[in-house]
Amino acid sequence: MEEREEEGYLTDESSFYGDDDLVASLEDQVLSFSPSAWWSDCPKTLTAMAEEGKARNALLEEQKPKTELHNLVANKRSARRLSETINEFLARLMPSKSPRKECGEYIWISNPYTEYSLTLQEDWAGFREGSTLILEQWSERTQEIERENLGRPQSIIKRAQTKERQVVEQSILALAKSCGCTCGKWMLFVLPEQVDEIWAVVAKAVAMNDLGHVAKVATVPEDSNNRESRLICVSTLDFSDLNDVKRVLNKLKELGLVTRGQRGAIYYKCDAWTNMDLYKGNEWGFKPWLYSSAEVLA
């Protein structure tokens, strides 16, 4: 039976690839095709763009200057190490379980982003010598005021002494500044059963650069039955920098550790006052602190 070529049937002679000119043109395009050139002109996929961005960020991270961390309390007996996390530090040195005999009087933590050398800046010997002289002169002056007002009411004598005492206090603070003894601290007195929790809040804030340059907490007294409040000190670099003193206080308030008003007030004491053993009821009649939270937050 004779086969019949049906309409639409392709044979070897069919022009499926086009005529000779078209075939030659396509072959030329194949020979001249450059894959690398095509990829450079080809629109990038989301995956490709993401990979490029990732590589670019990694390069920028390598080129970014590294933040140098500091440990201002590395020489302290019980302090946080830069090699440990804040949680590791808190677990290693818990205030409620750190005996004073083994750990020293305080546990310390420093702000790792603060570069400051206490030992190179402070002249405590010069301050002690100068402040001792000022206090001796003040003791003599108080006696002079009493002699000058002999027979007059005590209220008048006390008023005269108070006025001159304020001048003496400012002289001692000026001496502290000139000797580089400018540090001070907000003092928190907390119950023994709350000391771990409150210290953890303070320590984490110091480590995050939210408070001052250092903080410390009292360890367990040798008398293990001692139920007295435990001291936490949150330091600032300069007692005369009222903006910074207030900034730290506001952060403590934000952390829930300070309340507005006299009830629950805390006090700021400069290290110069501590060095002079100025406590409540001292013989010179000096107020043992510089600021109270009630005054600063009023």
Protein backbone atom coordinates (compact mmCIF):
# COMPACT_ATOMS: atom_id res chain seq x y z
CA MET A 1 0.00 0.00 0.00
CA GLU A 2 1.50 3.32 -1.01
CA GLU A 3 2.23 5.58 1.87
CA ARG A 4 0.76 9.01 1.65
CA GLU A 5 2.48 12.12 3.08
CA GLU A 6 -0.06 13.65 5.34
CA GLU A 7 -0.32 17.36 5.99
CA GLY A 8 1.76 18.43 9.01
CA TYR A 9 4.05 15.38 8.97
CA LEU A 10 7.80 16.29 9.37
CA THR A 11 10.48 14.56 7.32
CA ASP A 12 14.28 14.84 7.27
CA GLU A 13 13.90 17.34 4.51
CA SER A 14 11.61 19.54 6.59
CA SER A 15 12.91 22.98 7.65
CA PHE A 16 12.39 22.38 11.44
CA TYR A 17 15.59 24.32 12.30
CA GLY A 18 14.83 27.05 9.86
CA ASP A 19 16.48 27.76 6.58
CA ASP A 20 20.22 27.78 6.05
CA ASP A 21 20.61 31.48 6.90
CA LEU A 22 18.81 31.09 10.25
CA VAL A 23 20.83 28.03 11.18
CA ALA A 24 24.08 29.85 10.40
CA SER A 25 22.98 32.84 12.50
CA LEU A 26 22.15 30.64 15.50
CA GLU A 27 25.45 28.81 15.24
CA ASP A 28 27.30 32.16 15.24
CA GLN A 29 25.44 33.19 18.41
CA VAL A 30 26.43 29.93 20.11
CA LEU A 31 30.09 30.41 19.24
CA SER A 32 30.12 34.00 20.45
CA PHE A 33 28.20 33.29 23.73
CA SER A 34 30.09 34.17 26.95
CA PRO A 35 28.62 32.63 30.14
CA SER A 36 30.52 35.03 32.44
CA ALA A 37 29.30 38.07 30.50
CA TRP A 38 25.78 36.70 30.58
CA TRP A 39 25.92 36.20 34.39
CA SER A 40 27.20 39.73 34.93
CA ASP A 41 24.31 41.19 32.93
CA CYS A 42 21.72 38.78 34.27
CA PRO A 43 19.35 40.19 36.94
CA LYS A 44 20.40 38.84 40.38
CA THR A 45 18.15 36.48 42.26
CA LEU A 46 17.11 37.19 45.86
CA THR A 47 19.34 34.36 47.01
CA ALA A 48 22.36 35.80 45.22
CA MET A 49 21.72 39.27 46.63
CA ALA A 50 21.38 37.84 50.15
CA GLU A 51 24.69 36.01 49.86
CA GLU A 52 26.44 39.14 48.61
CA GLY A 53 24.99 41.14 51.51
CA LYS A 54 26.13 38.52 53.99
CA ALA A 55 29.66 38.58 52.62
CA ARG A 56 29.73 42.38 52.64
CA ASN A 57 28.57 42.54 56.28
CA ALA A 58 31.19 40.00 57.30
CA LEU A 59 33.88 42.14 55.67
CA LEU A 60 32.63 45.29 57.40
CA GLU A 61 32.60 43.48 60.74
CA GLU A 62 36.24 42.48 60.25
CA GLN A 63 37.20 46.06 59.37
CA LYS A 64 35.29 47.61 62.32
CA PRO A 65 37.58 48.75 65.17
CA LYS A 66 37.40 46.32 68.06
CA THR A 67 36.11 47.70 71.38
CA GLU A 68 38.81 47.32 73.99
CA LEU A 69 37.44 46.15 77.33
CA HIS A 70 38.94 47.17 80.67
CA ASN A 71 38.87 45.72 84.16
CA LEU A 72 39.39 48.45 86.74
CA VAL A 73 39.13 45.99 89.64
CA ALA A 74 41.42 43.24 88.33
CA ASN A 75 43.64 43.68 91.40
CA LYS A 76 40.78 43.16 93.85
CA ARG A 77 40.55 39.95 95.83
CA SER A 78 37.01 39.12 94.74
CA ALA A 79 35.97 40.65 91.42
CA ARG A 80 34.49 39.82 88.05
CA ARG A 81 36.91 38.55 85.42
CA LEU A 82 36.55 39.76 81.84
CA SER A 83 36.73 36.13 80.72
CA GLU A 84 33.47 35.22 82.46
CA THR A 85 29.88 36.15 81.68
CA ILE A 86 27.91 38.23 84.13
CA ASN A 87 25.84 35.19 85.11
CA GLU A 88 28.98 33.14 85.73
CA PHE A 89 30.34 35.93 87.93
CA LEU A 90 27.12 36.19 89.94
CA ALA A 91 27.04 32.42 90.44
CA ARG A 92 30.71 32.26 91.46
CA LEU A 93 30.55 35.10 94.00
CA MET A 94 27.14 35.30 95.62
CA PRO A 95 27.07 37.99 98.36
CA SER A 96 24.94 35.78 100.60
CA LYS A 97 27.45 32.92 100.40
CA SER A 98 30.80 34.74 100.24
CA PRO A 99 32.47 34.81 103.69
CA ARG A 100 34.48 37.93 104.46
CA LYS A 101 37.39 35.92 105.78
CA GLU A 102 37.86 34.18 102.41
CA CYS A 103 36.63 36.81 99.95
CA GLY A 104 37.59 40.08 101.58
CA GLU A 105 35.29 42.89 102.64
CA TYR A 106 33.69 43.45 99.22
CA ILE A 107 32.84 41.80 95.92
CA TRP A 108 33.61 44.12 92.98
CA ILE A 109 32.54 44.64 89.40
CA SER A 110 33.72 47.30 86.95
CA ASN A 111 32.23 48.83 83.84
CA PRO A 112 34.29 47.15 81.06
CA TYR A 113 33.80 50.17 78.78
CA THR A 114 35.43 52.64 81.18
CA GLU A 115 39.16 53.33 80.87
CA TYR A 116 40.37 54.87 84.08
CA SER A 117 43.27 54.09 86.40
CA LEU A 118 42.45 54.89 90.00
CA THR A 119 45.96 54.26 91.27
CA LEU A 120 47.55 56.63 88.74
CA GLN A 121 45.10 59.48 89.31
CA GLU A 122 44.58 59.69 93.09
CA ASP A 123 46.97 61.24 95.61
CA TRP A 124 45.51 59.99 98.87
CA ALA A 125 48.66 60.70 100.88
CA GLY A 126 48.52 64.36 99.86
CA PHE A 127 44.82 64.53 100.63
CA ARG A 128 45.18 62.98 104.10
CA GLU A 129 47.97 65.38 104.99
CA GLY A 130 46.03 68.42 103.78
CA SER A 131 42.67 67.41 105.26
CA THR A 132 44.26 66.66 108.66
CA LEU A 133 45.69 70.19 108.74
CA ILE A 134 42.33 71.71 107.77
CA LEU A 135 40.52 69.76 110.51
CA GLU A 136 43.05 70.81 113.13
CA GLN A 137 42.55 74.42 112.14
CA TRP A 138 38.78 73.95 112.24
CA SER A 139 38.91 72.49 115.77
CA GLU A 140 40.82 75.55 116.92
CA ARG A 141 38.39 77.84 115.14
CA THR A 142 35.32 76.27 116.81
CA GLN A 143 36.86 77.06 120.19
CA GLU A 144 37.55 80.63 119.07
CA ILE A 145 33.91 81.06 118.04
CA GLU A 146 32.79 79.89 121.48
CA ARG A 147 35.13 82.35 123.19
CA GLU A 148 34.03 85.18 120.90
CA ASN A 149 30.39 84.50 121.82
CA LEU A 150 30.88 83.77 125.50
CA GLY A 151 27.64 84.25 127.41
CA ARG A 152 25.50 84.35 124.27
CA PRO A 153 22.77 81.77 123.48
CA GLN A 154 23.96 78.43 122.10
CA SER A 155 21.76 78.95 119.03
CA ILE A 156 23.88 81.95 118.01
CA ILE A 157 27.12 80.04 118.58
CA LYS A 158 25.87 77.04 116.58
CA ARG A 159 24.72 79.29 113.77
CA ALA A 160 28.16 80.92 113.53
CA GLN A 161 29.89 77.53 113.58
CA THR A 162 27.58 76.12 110.92
CA LYS A 163 28.28 79.03 108.57
CA GLU A 164 32.04 78.59 108.85
CA ARG A 165 31.79 74.79 108.79
CA GLN A 166 30.29 74.98 105.32
CA VAL A 167 33.33 76.94 104.16
CA VAL A 168 35.63 74.30 105.70
CA GLU A 169 33.70 71.50 103.95
CA GLN A 170 34.12 73.24 100.61
CA SER A 171 37.85 73.65 101.28
CA ILE A 172 38.22 69.92 101.91
CA LEU A 173 36.26 69.08 98.75
CA ALA A 174 38.46 71.48 96.75
CA LEU A 175 41.52 69.73 98.18
CA ALA A 176 40.09 66.35 97.16
CA LYS A 177 39.61 67.65 93.61
CA SER A 178 43.17 68.98 93.43
CA CYS A 179 44.51 65.60 94.63
CA GLY A 180 42.45 63.68 92.07
CA CYS A 181 40.39 62.02 94.81
CA THR A 182 37.07 62.70 93.12
CA CYS A 183 35.18 59.41 93.26
CA GLY A 184 31.98 58.96 95.23
CA LYS A 185 29.14 56.48 95.52
CA TRP A 186 25.43 56.07 95.99
CA MET A 187 24.91 53.74 98.96
CA LEU A 188 22.18 51.11 99.14
CA PHE A 189 21.59 49.30 102.44
CA VAL A 190 19.66 46.10 101.74
CA LEU A 191 18.39 43.22 103.84
CA PRO A 192 20.58 40.09 103.84
CA GLU A 193 17.82 38.00 102.25
CA GLN A 194 17.55 40.48 99.35
CA VAL A 195 21.24 41.13 98.74
CA ASP A 196 21.74 38.54 95.97
CA GLU A 197 18.75 39.75 93.96
CA ILE A 198 19.50 43.47 94.26
CA TRP A 199 23.23 42.99 93.65
CA ALA A 200 22.44 41.06 90.45
CA VAL A 201 20.38 44.03 89.17
CA VAL A 202 23.20 46.47 89.97
CA ALA A 203 25.98 44.26 88.58
CA LYS A 204 24.20 43.67 85.27
CA ALA A 205 23.57 47.41 84.85
CA VAL A 206 27.25 48.19 85.52
CA ALA A 207 28.34 45.53 83.01
CA MET A 208 25.99 47.05 80.41
CA ASN A 209 27.48 50.54 80.83
CA ASP A 210 24.26 51.87 82.39
CA LEU A 211 25.63 53.01 85.77
CA GLY A 212 29.05 54.19 86.94
CA HIS A 213 32.58 52.85 86.56
CA VAL A 214 32.50 50.36 89.46
CA ALA A 215 30.20 48.87 92.09
CA LYS A 216 30.78 46.71 95.15
CA VAL A 217 28.76 44.72 97.68
CA ALA A 218 29.66 43.74 101.24
CA THR A 219 30.40 40.08 101.88
CA VAL A 220 29.11 37.95 104.78
CA PRO A 221 30.48 39.25 108.12
CA GLU A 222 32.53 36.87 110.25
CA ASP A 223 29.61 36.78 112.66
CA SER A 224 27.33 34.64 110.50
CA ASN A 225 24.35 35.52 112.70
CA ASN A 226 24.73 39.20 111.85
CA ARG A 227 21.41 40.41 110.46
CA GLU A 228 22.50 43.97 109.71
CA SER A 229 21.81 45.48 106.31
CA ARG A 230 24.40 44.83 103.62
CA LEU A 231 25.98 47.75 101.79
CA ILE A 232 26.00 48.09 97.99
CA CYS A 233 27.97 51.02 96.58
CA VAL A 234 27.43 52.34 93.05
CA SER A 235 30.31 54.67 92.22
CA THR A 236 30.78 57.66 89.94
CA LEU A 237 34.07 59.21 88.86
CA ASP A 238 33.50 62.78 90.08
CA PHE A 239 31.35 63.90 93.01
CA SER A 240 31.25 67.43 91.56
CA ASP A 241 29.78 66.23 88.25
CA LEU A 242 26.17 66.63 89.33
CA ASN A 243 24.81 65.64 85.92
CA ASP A 244 26.51 62.24 86.14
CA VAL A 245 25.62 61.81 89.81
CA LYS A 246 21.98 62.45 88.94
CA ARG A 247 22.14 60.23 85.84
CA VAL A 248 23.24 57.25 87.91
CA LEU A 249 20.56 57.97 90.52
CA ASN A 250 17.86 58.14 87.84
CA LYS A 251 19.02 54.79 86.47
CA LEU A 252 18.83 53.27 89.95
CA LYS A 253 15.31 54.67 90.22
CA GLU A 254 14.45 53.22 86.81
CA LEU A 255 15.69 49.83 88.04
CA GLY A 256 13.28 50.05 90.96
CA LEU A 257 15.98 50.51 93.61
CA VAL A 258 15.12 54.07 94.68
CA THR A 259 11.82 55.72 95.54
CA ARG A 260 11.00 59.41 95.36
CA GLY A 261 10.71 61.21 98.69
CA GLN A 262 12.37 60.78 102.07
CA ARG A 263 11.06 57.28 102.78
CA GLY A 264 13.49 54.84 101.20
CA ALA A 265 15.97 57.62 100.36
CA ILE A 266 19.60 56.70 99.64
CA TYR A 267 22.70 58.85 100.11
CA TYR A 268 25.75 59.81 98.08
CA LYS A 269 29.09 59.96 99.89
CA CYS A 270 32.39 61.03 98.37
CA ASP A 271 35.41 58.78 98.93
CA ALA A 272 37.17 61.74 100.56
CA TRP A 273 34.61 61.67 103.37
CA THR A 274 35.11 57.91 103.77
CA ASN A 275 38.88 58.33 103.86
CA MET A 276 38.47 60.86 106.70
CA ASP A 277 36.19 58.49 108.65
CA LEU A 278 33.37 61.01 108.49
CA TYR A 279 30.34 59.16 109.78
CA LYS A 280 27.15 60.24 111.50
CA GLY A 281 27.89 62.07 114.73
CA ASN A 282 31.51 62.86 113.81
CA GLU A 283 33.36 65.26 116.14
CA TRP A 284 33.55 68.03 113.54
CA GLY A 285 29.82 68.16 112.98
CA PHE A 286 30.08 67.46 109.23
CA LYS A 287 27.18 65.90 107.39
CA PRO A 288 28.43 62.40 106.44
CA TRP A 289 27.04 62.55 102.88
CA LEU A 290 26.97 65.07 100.03
CA TYR A 291 23.57 64.37 98.47
CA SER A 292 20.38 62.49 99.24
CA SER A 293 18.09 60.98 96.63
CA ALA A 294 15.19 62.89 98.18
CA GLU A 295 16.95 66.20 97.46
CA VAL A 296 18.19 65.29 93.99
CA LEU A 297 14.85 63.87 92.82
CA ALA A 298 12.75 66.62 94.44
